[in-house]
Amino acid sequence: MSFARRSFNDLIASLLSRAELLSTSSMPAASASRIALLMSDATPAAPDATTLNPSLAVELPKGYAPAQAEPVVHARWKAAGCFHADPASDGESFAIFIPPPNVTAALHLGHAFNNSLQDLLTRYHRMRGCNTMWMPGTDHAGIATQTVVEKRLLLQGKRRTDFTREAFVEKVQEWKDE
């Protein structure tokens, strides 16, 4: 028997012997058997939740079904105004602007990390009582995208100015869709 188990057993035995109300004869059978298991070397299986609280006897689904869970949560968040910042609010404001997905390269863990930090900061400020807004869709990569497409055109001996605006935008779209 380990020292920790022996010390714990000694503590339980001491408490049981000193407290008349906790004598095993006046205890419910389930409590007495749990105490007996605690004092033994056997490691008992975890008790079933319904043994501890019969009102918890609910069958949990085998997996997470977003289509079932998320509409309920989304409706609760929407009713609480979580997706709205009040510009006329007197309190402190906090805003972060989310750029759209990067068109110049594949998404990577850095993008996920960046979005996680933005989410964390927005939630933190909301919990502090700030009037928060996490605004999606602000462009940040337009110049980088244009530069990549212009370099490709230069390899073909062409310049951006050789095209109409609409034709150049079509070239950018073709490059993005590759």
C-alpha atoms as a PDB file:
ATOM      1  CA  MET A   1       0.000   0.000   0.000  1.00  0.00           C
ATOM      2  CA  SER A   2       1.425   3.395  -0.910  1.00  0.00           C
ATOM      3  CA  PHE A   3       2.185   6.032   1.711  1.00  0.00           C
ATOM      4  CA  ALA A   4      -0.445   8.390   0.256  1.00  0.00           C
ATOM      5  CA  ARG A   5      -3.096   5.646   0.238  1.00  0.00           C
ATOM      6  CA  ARG A   6      -2.167   4.542   3.779  1.00  0.00           C
ATOM      7  CA  SER A   7      -2.257   8.134   5.047  1.00  0.00           C
ATOM      8  CA  PHE A   8      -5.599   8.705   3.380  1.00  0.00           C
ATOM      9  CA  ASN A   9      -6.948   5.444   4.825  1.00  0.00           C
ATOM     10  CA  ASP A  10      -5.716   6.408   8.298  1.00  0.00           C
ATOM     11  CA  LEU A  11      -7.458   9.776   7.952  1.00  0.00           C
ATOM     12  CA  ILE A  12     -10.742   8.153   6.883  1.00  0.00           C
ATOM     13  CA  ALA A  13     -10.544   5.571   9.676  1.00  0.00           C
ATOM     14  CA  SER A  14      -9.837   8.290  12.208  1.00  0.00           C
ATOM     15  CA  LEU A  15     -12.770  10.377  11.032  1.00  0.00           C
ATOM     16  CA  LEU A  16     -15.083   7.381  11.074  1.00  0.00           C
ATOM     17  CA  SER A  17     -14.083   6.310  14.562  1.00  0.00           C
ATOM     18  CA  ARG A  18     -14.474   9.836  16.004  1.00  0.00           C
ATOM     19  CA  ALA A  19     -17.807  10.763  14.450  1.00  0.00           C
ATOM     20  CA  GLU A  20     -20.741   8.861  15.869  1.00  0.00           C
ATOM     21  CA  LEU A  21     -23.032  10.120  13.113  1.00  0.00           C
ATOM     22  CA  LEU A  22     -20.858   8.508  10.477  1.00  0.00           C
ATOM     23  CA  SER A  23     -20.858   4.990  11.849  1.00  0.00           C
ATOM     24  CA  THR A  24     -21.322   2.551   8.998  1.00  0.00           C
ATOM     25  CA  SER A  25     -24.439   1.151  10.665  1.00  0.00           C
ATOM     26  CA  SER A  26     -26.316   4.430  10.198  1.00  0.00           C
ATOM     27  CA  MET A  27     -24.905   5.121   6.734  1.00  0.00           C
ATOM     28  CA  PRO A  28     -26.683   4.338   3.493  1.00  0.00           C
ATOM     29  CA  ALA A  29     -25.284   1.153   1.956  1.00  0.00           C
ATOM     30  CA  ALA A  30     -23.855   3.027  -1.065  1.00  0.00           C
ATOM     31  CA  SER A  31     -21.877   5.411   1.177  1.00  0.00           C
ATOM     32  CA  ALA A  32     -20.556   2.597   3.335  1.00  0.00           C
ATOM     33  CA  SER A  33     -19.403   0.655   0.285  1.00  0.00           C
ATOM     34  CA  ARG A  34     -17.672   3.739  -1.146  1.00  0.00           C
ATOM     35  CA  ILE A  35     -15.819   4.279   2.138  1.00  0.00           C
ATOM     36  CA  ALA A  36     -14.863   0.610   2.248  1.00  0.00           C
ATOM     37  CA  LEU A  37     -13.507   0.884  -1.300  1.00  0.00           C
ATOM     38  CA  LEU A  38     -11.570   4.023  -0.415  1.00  0.00           C
ATOM     39  CA  MET A  39      -9.909   2.230   2.450  1.00  0.00           C
ATOM     40  CA  SER A  40      -9.025  -0.835   0.384  1.00  0.00           C
ATOM     41  CA  ASP A  41      -6.160  -1.183  -2.059  1.00  0.00           C
ATOM     42  CA  ALA A  42      -8.590  -1.830  -4.896  1.00  0.00           C
ATOM     43  CA  THR A  43      -9.124   0.980  -7.353  1.00  0.00           C
ATOM     44  CA  PRO A  44     -12.861   1.180  -7.962  1.00  0.00           C
ATOM     45  CA  ALA A  45     -14.394   2.000 -11.305  1.00  0.00           C
ATOM     46  CA  ALA A  46     -15.708   5.525 -11.617  1.00  0.00           C
ATOM     47  CA  PRO A  47     -19.259   5.729 -10.324  1.00  0.00           C
ATOM     48  CA  ASP A  48     -21.995   6.039 -12.885  1.00  0.00           C
ATOM     49  CA  ALA A  49     -23.371   9.606 -12.974  1.00  0.00           C
ATOM     50  CA  THR A  50     -26.888   8.249 -12.501  1.00  0.00           C
ATOM     51  CA  THR A  51     -25.770   6.567  -9.238  1.00  0.00           C
ATOM     52  CA  LEU A  52     -24.719   9.938  -7.862  1.00  0.00           C
ATOM     53  CA  ASN A  53     -27.654  11.867  -9.284  1.00  0.00           C
ATOM     54  CA  PRO A  54     -30.500   9.921 -10.947  1.00  0.00           C
ATOM     55  CA  SER A  55     -31.817  13.085 -12.633  1.00  0.00           C
ATOM     56  CA  LEU A  56     -28.707  13.009 -14.877  1.00  0.00           C
ATOM     57  CA  ALA A  57     -29.869   9.827 -16.639  1.00  0.00           C
ATOM     58  CA  VAL A  58     -29.741  11.355 -20.131  1.00  0.00           C
ATOM     59  CA  GLU A  59     -28.343   9.586 -23.162  1.00  0.00           C
ATOM     60  CA  LEU A  60     -25.570  11.717 -24.653  1.00  0.00           C
ATOM     61  CA  PRO A  61     -25.037  11.596 -28.415  1.00  0.00           C
ATOM     62  CA  LYS A  62     -22.069   9.562 -29.681  1.00  0.00           C
ATOM     63  CA  GLY A  63     -20.623  12.573 -31.535  1.00  0.00           C
ATOM     64  CA  TYR A  64     -21.001  16.329 -31.870  1.00  0.00           C
ATOM     65  CA  ALA A  65     -23.701  17.328 -34.366  1.00  0.00           C
ATOM     66  CA  PRO A  66     -23.163  21.024 -35.202  1.00  0.00           C
ATOM     67  CA  ALA A  67     -26.451  21.276 -37.110  1.00  0.00           C
ATOM     68  CA  GLN A  68     -28.313  20.429 -33.903  1.00  0.00           C
ATOM     69  CA  ALA A  69     -26.281  22.372 -31.338  1.00  0.00           C
ATOM     70  CA  GLU A  70     -25.208  25.549 -33.098  1.00  0.00           C
ATOM     71  CA  PRO A  71     -28.615  27.052 -34.040  1.00  0.00           C
ATOM     72  CA  VAL A  72     -29.622  27.083 -30.362  1.00  0.00           C
ATOM     73  CA  VAL A  73     -26.373  28.764 -29.291  1.00  0.00           C
ATOM     74  CA  HIS A  74     -26.445  31.185 -32.241  1.00  0.00           C
ATOM     75  CA  ALA A  75     -29.998  32.246 -31.388  1.00  0.00           C
ATOM     76  CA  ARG A  76     -28.993  32.837 -27.755  1.00  0.00           C
ATOM     77  CA  TRP A  77     -25.965  34.894 -28.814  1.00  0.00           C
ATOM     78  CA  LYS A  78     -28.024  36.896 -31.303  1.00  0.00           C
ATOM     79  CA  ALA A  79     -30.710  37.629 -28.691  1.00  0.00           C
ATOM     80  CA  ALA A  80     -27.989  38.812 -26.299  1.00  0.00           C
ATOM     81  CA  GLY A  81     -26.627  41.254 -28.912  1.00  0.00           C
ATOM     82  CA  CYS A  82     -23.257  39.509 -29.199  1.00  0.00           C
ATOM     83  CA  PHE A  83     -22.990  40.349 -32.914  1.00  0.00           C
ATOM     84  CA  HIS A  84     -23.771  44.024 -32.558  1.00  0.00           C
ATOM     85  CA  ALA A  85     -21.782  46.972 -31.302  1.00  0.00           C
ATOM     86  CA  ASP A  86     -23.692  50.105 -30.384  1.00  0.00           C
ATOM     87  CA  PRO A  87     -21.905  53.171 -31.781  1.00  0.00           C
ATOM     88  CA  ALA A  88     -23.883  55.418 -29.426  1.00  0.00           C
ATOM     89  CA  SER A  89     -22.753  53.496 -26.344  1.00  0.00           C
ATOM     90  CA  ASP A  90     -21.160  55.536 -23.565  1.00  0.00           C
ATOM     91  CA  GLY A  91     -18.785  52.753 -22.522  1.00  0.00           C
ATOM     92  CA  GLU A  92     -15.293  51.943 -23.690  1.00  0.00           C
ATOM     93  CA  SER A  93     -15.065  50.555 -27.242  1.00  0.00           C
ATOM     94  CA  PHE A  94     -12.875  47.826 -28.705  1.00  0.00           C
ATOM     95  CA  ALA A  95     -12.717  46.773 -32.372  1.00  0.00           C
ATOM     96  CA  ILE A  96     -10.673  44.353 -34.470  1.00  0.00           C
ATOM     97  CA  PHE A  97     -10.974  44.077 -38.238  1.00  0.00           C
ATOM     98  CA  ILE A  98     -10.654  40.602 -39.726  1.00  0.00           C
ATOM     99  CA  PRO A  99      -8.965  40.467 -43.114  1.00  0.00           C
ATOM    100  CA  PRO A 100     -10.418  38.089 -45.690  1.00  0.00           C
ATOM    101  CA  PRO A 101      -8.540  34.848 -46.405  1.00  0.00           C
ATOM    102  CA  ASN A 102      -5.117  35.425 -47.915  1.00  0.00           C
ATOM    103  CA  VAL A 103      -5.379  35.216 -51.690  1.00  0.00           C
ATOM    104  CA  THR A 104      -1.620  35.279 -52.316  1.00  0.00           C
ATOM    105  CA  ALA A 105      -0.796  31.992 -50.609  1.00  0.00           C
ATOM    106  CA  ALA A 106      -2.283  28.941 -48.940  1.00  0.00           C
ATOM    107  CA  LEU A 107      -3.745  29.365 -45.486  1.00  0.00           C
ATOM    108  CA  HIS A 108      -1.510  28.068 -42.690  1.00  0.00           C
ATOM    109  CA  LEU A 109      -1.345  27.784 -38.913  1.00  0.00           C
ATOM    110  CA  GLY A 110      -0.258  31.410 -38.623  1.00  0.00           C
ATOM    111  CA  HIS A 111      -3.648  32.475 -39.980  1.00  0.00           C
ATOM    112  CA  ALA A 112      -5.424  30.233 -37.458  1.00  0.00           C
ATOM    113  CA  PHE A 113      -3.257  31.604 -34.651  1.00  0.00           C
ATOM    114  CA  ASN A 114      -3.971  35.188 -35.716  1.00  0.00           C
ATOM    115  CA  ASN A 115      -7.730  34.572 -35.785  1.00  0.00           C
ATOM    116  CA  SER A 116      -7.558  32.798 -32.405  1.00  0.00           C
ATOM    117  CA  LEU A 117      -5.807  35.820 -30.873  1.00  0.00           C
ATOM    118  CA  GLN A 118      -8.383  38.172 -32.369  1.00  0.00           C
ATOM    119  CA  ASP A 119     -11.200  36.026 -30.974  1.00  0.00           C
ATOM    120  CA  LEU A 120      -9.543  35.886 -27.547  1.00  0.00           C
ATOM    121  CA  LEU A 121      -9.017  39.655 -27.404  1.00  0.00           C
ATOM    122  CA  THR A 122     -12.556  40.390 -28.562  1.00  0.00           C
ATOM    123  CA  ARG A 123     -14.099  38.031 -25.987  1.00  0.00           C
ATOM    124  CA  TYR A 124     -11.831  39.403 -23.249  1.00  0.00           C
ATOM    125  CA  HIS A 125     -12.901  42.975 -23.927  1.00  0.00           C
ATOM    126  CA  ARG A 126     -16.572  41.952 -24.184  1.00  0.00           C
ATOM    127  CA  MET A 127     -16.333  40.247 -20.777  1.00  0.00           C
ATOM    128  CA  ARG A 128     -14.804  43.450 -19.377  1.00  0.00           C
ATOM    129  CA  GLY A 129     -17.956  45.261 -20.491  1.00  0.00           C
ATOM    130  CA  CYS A 130     -16.516  47.015 -23.539  1.00  0.00           C
ATOM    131  CA  ASN A 131     -18.638  47.722 -26.583  1.00  0.00           C
ATOM    132  CA  THR A 132     -16.863  45.249 -28.902  1.00  0.00           C
ATOM    133  CA  MET A 133     -16.895  44.646 -32.651  1.00  0.00           C
ATOM    134  CA  TRP A 134     -15.026  41.944 -34.554  1.00  0.00           C
ATOM    135  CA  MET A 135     -15.582  43.144 -38.103  1.00  0.00           C
ATOM    136  CA  PRO A 136     -15.001  40.621 -40.899  1.00  0.00           C
ATOM    137  CA  GLY A 137     -13.953  41.237 -44.463  1.00  0.00           C
ATOM    138  CA  THR A 138     -11.628  44.233 -44.523  1.00  0.00           C
ATOM    139  CA  ASP A 139      -9.172  43.936 -47.401  1.00  0.00           C
ATOM    140  CA  HIS A 140      -5.473  43.847 -46.644  1.00  0.00           C
ATOM    141  CA  ALA A 141      -3.982  41.870 -49.518  1.00  0.00           C
ATOM    142  CA  GLY A 142      -5.086  43.815 -52.585  1.00  0.00           C
ATOM    143  CA  ILE A 143      -1.683  45.380 -53.209  1.00  0.00           C
ATOM    144  CA  ALA A 144       0.172  42.088 -52.625  1.00  0.00           C
ATOM    145  CA  THR A 145      -2.181  40.293 -54.999  1.00  0.00           C
ATOM    146  CA  GLN A 146      -1.759  42.945 -57.655  1.00  0.00           C
ATOM    147  CA  THR A 147       2.040  42.733 -57.321  1.00  0.00           C
ATOM    148  CA  VAL A 148       2.054  38.946 -57.786  1.00  0.00           C
ATOM    149  CA  VAL A 149      -0.129  39.184 -60.905  1.00  0.00           C
ATOM    150  CA  GLU A 150       1.944  42.054 -62.329  1.00  0.00           C
ATOM    151  CA  LYS A 151       5.161  40.017 -61.895  1.00  0.00           C
ATOM    152  CA  ARG A 152       3.565  37.134 -63.797  1.00  0.00           C
ATOM    153  CA  LEU A 153       2.499  39.496 -66.580  1.00  0.00           C
ATOM    154  CA  LEU A 154       6.054  40.898 -66.800  1.00  0.00           C
ATOM    155  CA  LEU A 155       7.344  37.361 -67.386  1.00  0.00           C
ATOM    156  CA  GLN A 156       5.003  37.283 -70.391  1.00  0.00           C
ATOM    157  CA  GLY A 157       6.271  40.693 -71.556  1.00  0.00           C
ATOM    158  CA  LYS A 158       3.068  42.507 -70.570  1.00  0.00           C
ATOM    159  CA  ARG A 159       2.216  45.267 -68.120  1.00  0.00           C
ATOM    160  CA  ARG A 160      -0.894  46.035 -66.087  1.00  0.00           C
ATOM    161  CA  THR A 161      -1.409  49.198 -68.134  1.00  0.00           C
ATOM    162  CA  ASP A 162      -1.703  47.068 -71.307  1.00  0.00           C
ATOM    163  CA  PHE A 163      -5.164  45.997 -70.085  1.00  0.00           C
ATOM    164  CA  THR A 164      -8.375  47.793 -69.264  1.00  0.00           C
ATOM    165  CA  ARG A 165      -9.293  47.823 -65.578  1.00  0.00           C
ATOM    166  CA  GLU A 166     -11.912  45.127 -66.149  1.00  0.00           C
ATOM    167  CA  ALA A 167      -9.479  42.950 -68.127  1.00  0.00           C
ATOM    168  CA  PHE A 168      -6.809  43.280 -65.433  1.00  0.00           C
ATOM    169  CA  VAL A 169      -9.313  42.379 -62.703  1.00  0.00           C
ATOM    170  CA  GLU A 170     -10.208  39.323 -64.805  1.00  0.00           C
ATOM    171  CA  LYS A 171      -6.502  38.353 -64.921  1.00  0.00           C
ATOM    172  CA  VAL A 172      -6.312  38.685 -61.137  1.00  0.00           C
ATOM    173  CA  GLN A 173      -9.428  36.527 -60.792  1.00  0.00           C
ATOM    174  CA  GLU A 174      -7.942  33.894 -63.134  1.00  0.00           C
ATOM    175  CA  TRP A 175      -4.762  33.815 -61.047  1.00  0.00           C
ATOM    176  CA  LYS A 176      -6.771  33.486 -57.819  1.00  0.00           C
ATOM    177  CA  ASP A 177      -8.807  30.596 -59.255  1.00  0.00           C
ATOM    178  CA  GLU A 178      -5.696  28.590 -60.270  1.00  0.00           C
END
